[in-house]
């Protein structure tokens, strides 16, 4: 009987962890290729010390690459297990300029951003469009991947990325 409780407990823990990993309905969990990020960051001429936000940071790979490029990189993620995993990876890579926040992308302020990176579903991009238009300072770069702003004109396109400048 005791082994049955242990098995049930283990299955329950695995289910909770699995649900946390895939938490959130605003973002698909589709990892972005590192080589595409490296080319993108060169294309936008990311500079050391710029404040970079990724909204829906998933496993942290985009934030970690931005930190490697010298940005003060922040990932905002709804899944606490992905936040813990991303923090662990940043610590392992000794990237002190990579931070991960467990939170809601729609309630956090991005007023200090220089670059905002978004790979979310269209419904979330639509919700963020007005928030970012009101909140961001001028000349902030916004990068969307696959799902894009409907009412902004992009300045550059690379693969499935569109790059905008907040005017």
Protein backbone atom coordinates (compact mmCIF):
# COMPACT_ATOMS: atom_id res chain seq x y z
CA UNK A 1 0.00 0.00 0.00
CA UNK A 2 2.85 2.40 0.81
CA UNK A 3 4.41 1.97 -2.63
CA UNK A 4 1.09 2.89 -4.24
CA UNK A 5 1.03 6.20 -2.32
CA UNK A 6 4.61 6.88 -3.34
CA UNK A 7 3.80 6.26 -7.01
CA UNK A 8 0.69 8.45 -6.83
CA UNK A 9 2.70 11.23 -5.15
CA UNK A 10 5.44 11.00 -7.82
CA UNK A 11 2.88 11.14 -10.65
CA UNK A 12 1.20 14.12 -9.00
CA UNK A 13 4.52 16.00 -8.72
CA UNK A 14 5.35 15.25 -12.36
CA UNK A 15 1.91 16.54 -13.43
CA UNK A 16 2.32 19.75 -11.40
CA UNK A 17 5.77 20.37 -12.88
CA UNK A 18 4.49 19.62 -16.38
CA UNK A 19 1.54 21.98 -16.00
CA UNK A 20 3.83 24.72 -14.72
CA UNK A 21 6.24 24.27 -17.62
CA UNK A 22 3.42 24.73 -20.11
CA UNK A 23 1.55 27.39 -18.10
CA UNK A 24 0.11 30.36 -19.91
CA UNK A 25 -2.11 30.75 -22.91
CA UNK A 26 -0.42 33.80 -24.47
CA UNK A 27 2.73 32.16 -25.74
CA UNK A 28 3.60 29.03 -27.66
CA UNK A 29 6.59 27.16 -26.33
CA UNK A 30 8.61 27.09 -29.53
CA UNK A 31 12.33 27.65 -28.96
CA UNK A 32 14.05 30.22 -31.19
CA UNK A 33 17.24 29.07 -32.91
CA UNK A 34 20.43 30.51 -31.43
CA UNK A 35 21.99 31.27 -34.82
CA UNK A 36 18.93 33.36 -35.77
CA UNK A 37 19.21 35.31 -32.52
CA UNK A 38 22.90 36.00 -33.02
CA UNK A 39 22.23 37.39 -36.51
CA UNK A 40 19.23 39.37 -35.26
CA UNK A 41 21.24 40.99 -32.45
CA UNK A 42 23.98 41.96 -34.91
CA UNK A 43 21.35 43.35 -37.28
CA UNK A 44 19.85 45.62 -34.62
CA UNK A 45 23.34 46.56 -33.38
CA UNK A 46 22.61 45.71 -29.76
CA UNK A 47 24.97 47.64 -27.52
CA UNK A 48 26.47 46.75 -24.17
CA UNK A 49 24.34 47.97 -21.28
CA UNK A 50 21.08 48.37 -23.20
CA UNK A 51 17.99 47.28 -21.25
CA UNK A 52 16.49 44.27 -23.05
CA UNK A 53 13.14 42.69 -22.12
CA UNK A 54 11.71 39.46 -23.41
CA UNK A 55 8.00 39.13 -22.75
CA UNK A 56 7.25 35.45 -22.22
CA UNK A 57 10.84 34.27 -21.84
CA UNK A 58 10.20 30.52 -21.89
CA UNK A 59 13.39 28.58 -21.20
CA UNK A 60 15.43 31.80 -21.18
CA UNK A 61 17.50 31.25 -24.31
CA UNK A 62 16.73 34.68 -25.86
CA UNK A 63 17.49 36.53 -22.61
CA UNK A 64 20.71 34.56 -22.14
CA UNK A 65 21.85 35.38 -25.68
CA UNK A 66 21.04 39.07 -25.13
CA UNK A 67 23.04 38.98 -21.89
CA UNK A 68 25.97 37.33 -23.70
CA UNK A 69 25.78 40.20 -26.21
CA UNK A 70 26.19 42.64 -23.30
CA UNK A 71 22.61 43.77 -22.68
CA UNK A 72 21.05 44.09 -19.24
CA UNK A 73 18.59 41.35 -20.12
CA UNK A 74 15.30 40.65 -18.33
CA UNK A 75 12.90 37.81 -19.00
CA UNK A 76 9.31 37.98 -17.83
CA UNK A 77 7.66 34.58 -17.60
CA UNK A 78 4.39 33.21 -16.20
CA UNK A 79 5.66 29.68 -15.51
CA UNK A 80 7.61 29.59 -12.24
CA UNK A 81 9.36 26.35 -13.24
CA UNK A 82 10.69 28.00 -16.42
CA UNK A 83 11.82 31.00 -14.36
CA UNK A 84 13.72 28.70 -11.97
CA UNK A 85 15.23 26.80 -14.90
CA UNK A 86 16.28 30.05 -16.61
CA UNK A 87 17.81 31.42 -13.41
CA UNK A 88 19.75 28.18 -13.00
CA UNK A 89 21.07 28.43 -16.57
CA UNK A 90 22.08 32.09 -16.07
CA UNK A 91 23.94 31.18 -12.87
CA UNK A 92 25.63 28.23 -14.58
CA UNK A 93 26.76 30.55 -17.41
CA UNK A 94 27.79 33.21 -14.86
CA UNK A 95 25.63 35.84 -16.56
CA UNK A 96 24.99 38.41 -13.84
CA UNK A 97 23.30 40.69 -16.38
CA UNK A 98 20.48 38.17 -16.98
CA UNK A 99 17.42 38.43 -14.71
CA UNK A 100 14.21 36.42 -14.78
CA UNK A 101 10.95 37.64 -13.27
CA UNK A 102 7.95 35.47 -12.52
CA UNK A 103 5.02 37.67 -13.43
CA UNK A 104 2.31 38.82 -15.77
CA UNK A 105 3.63 40.54 -18.91
CA UNK A 106 0.57 42.79 -19.02
CA UNK A 107 1.07 44.33 -15.56
CA UNK A 108 4.83 44.95 -15.51
CA UNK A 109 6.24 48.31 -16.60
CA UNK A 110 8.77 48.48 -19.43
CA UNK A 111 9.47 52.23 -19.22
CA UNK A 112 13.23 51.69 -18.91
CA UNK A 113 13.44 49.40 -21.96
CA UNK A 114 15.73 50.00 -24.91
CA UNK A 115 14.71 46.78 -26.67
CA UNK A 116 11.57 44.66 -26.23
CA UNK A 117 11.38 41.18 -27.73
CA UNK A 118 8.01 39.45 -28.17
CA UNK A 119 7.24 35.94 -29.35
CA UNK A 120 3.64 35.51 -28.27
CA UNK A 121 0.39 34.51 -29.94
CA UNK A 122 -1.45 37.16 -31.95
CA UNK A 123 -4.04 37.81 -29.23
CA UNK A 124 -1.29 38.69 -26.73
CA UNK A 125 0.58 40.83 -29.27
CA UNK A 126 -2.66 42.72 -29.92
CA UNK A 127 -3.12 43.34 -26.16
CA UNK A 128 0.47 44.53 -25.78
CA UNK A 129 0.40 46.87 -28.79
CA UNK A 130 -1.49 49.70 -27.05
CA UNK A 131 0.27 49.20 -23.70
CA UNK A 132 3.70 49.50 -25.30
CA UNK A 133 2.62 52.44 -27.46
CA UNK A 134 1.66 54.39 -24.32
CA UNK A 135 4.42 53.18 -22.01
CA UNK A 136 7.66 52.98 -23.97
CA UNK A 137 9.96 55.94 -24.43
CA UNK A 138 10.82 57.10 -27.95
CA UNK A 139 13.37 55.20 -30.04
CA UNK A 140 12.81 51.86 -28.29
CA UNK A 141 13.26 48.89 -30.61
CA UNK A 142 10.49 46.32 -30.52
CA UNK A 143 11.04 42.93 -32.11
CA UNK A 144 8.16 40.59 -32.80
CA UNK A 145 8.56 37.04 -34.00
CA UNK A 146 5.96 35.31 -36.17
CA UNK A 147 3.00 37.29 -34.77
CA UNK A 148 3.22 41.03 -35.39
CA UNK A 149 1.65 44.39 -34.59
CA UNK A 150 -1.30 45.16 -36.83
CA UNK A 151 -1.14 48.96 -36.53
CA UNK A 152 2.60 49.70 -36.56
CA UNK A 153 4.91 49.88 -39.54
CA UNK A 154 8.03 47.81 -39.17
CA UNK A 155 11.39 49.24 -40.23
CA UNK A 156 13.07 45.94 -41.00
CA UNK A 157 12.22 42.31 -41.50
CA UNK A 158 14.51 39.33 -40.95
CA UNK A 159 13.16 35.80 -41.39
CA UNK A 160 9.95 35.76 -39.29
CA UNK A 161 11.08 38.74 -37.13
CA UNK A 162 9.78 42.26 -37.60
CA UNK A 163 11.62 45.22 -36.07
CA UNK A 164 9.81 48.40 -35.08
CA UNK A 165 10.92 51.71 -33.58
CA UNK A 166 8.63 53.41 -31.07
CA UNK A 167 8.13 56.99 -32.29
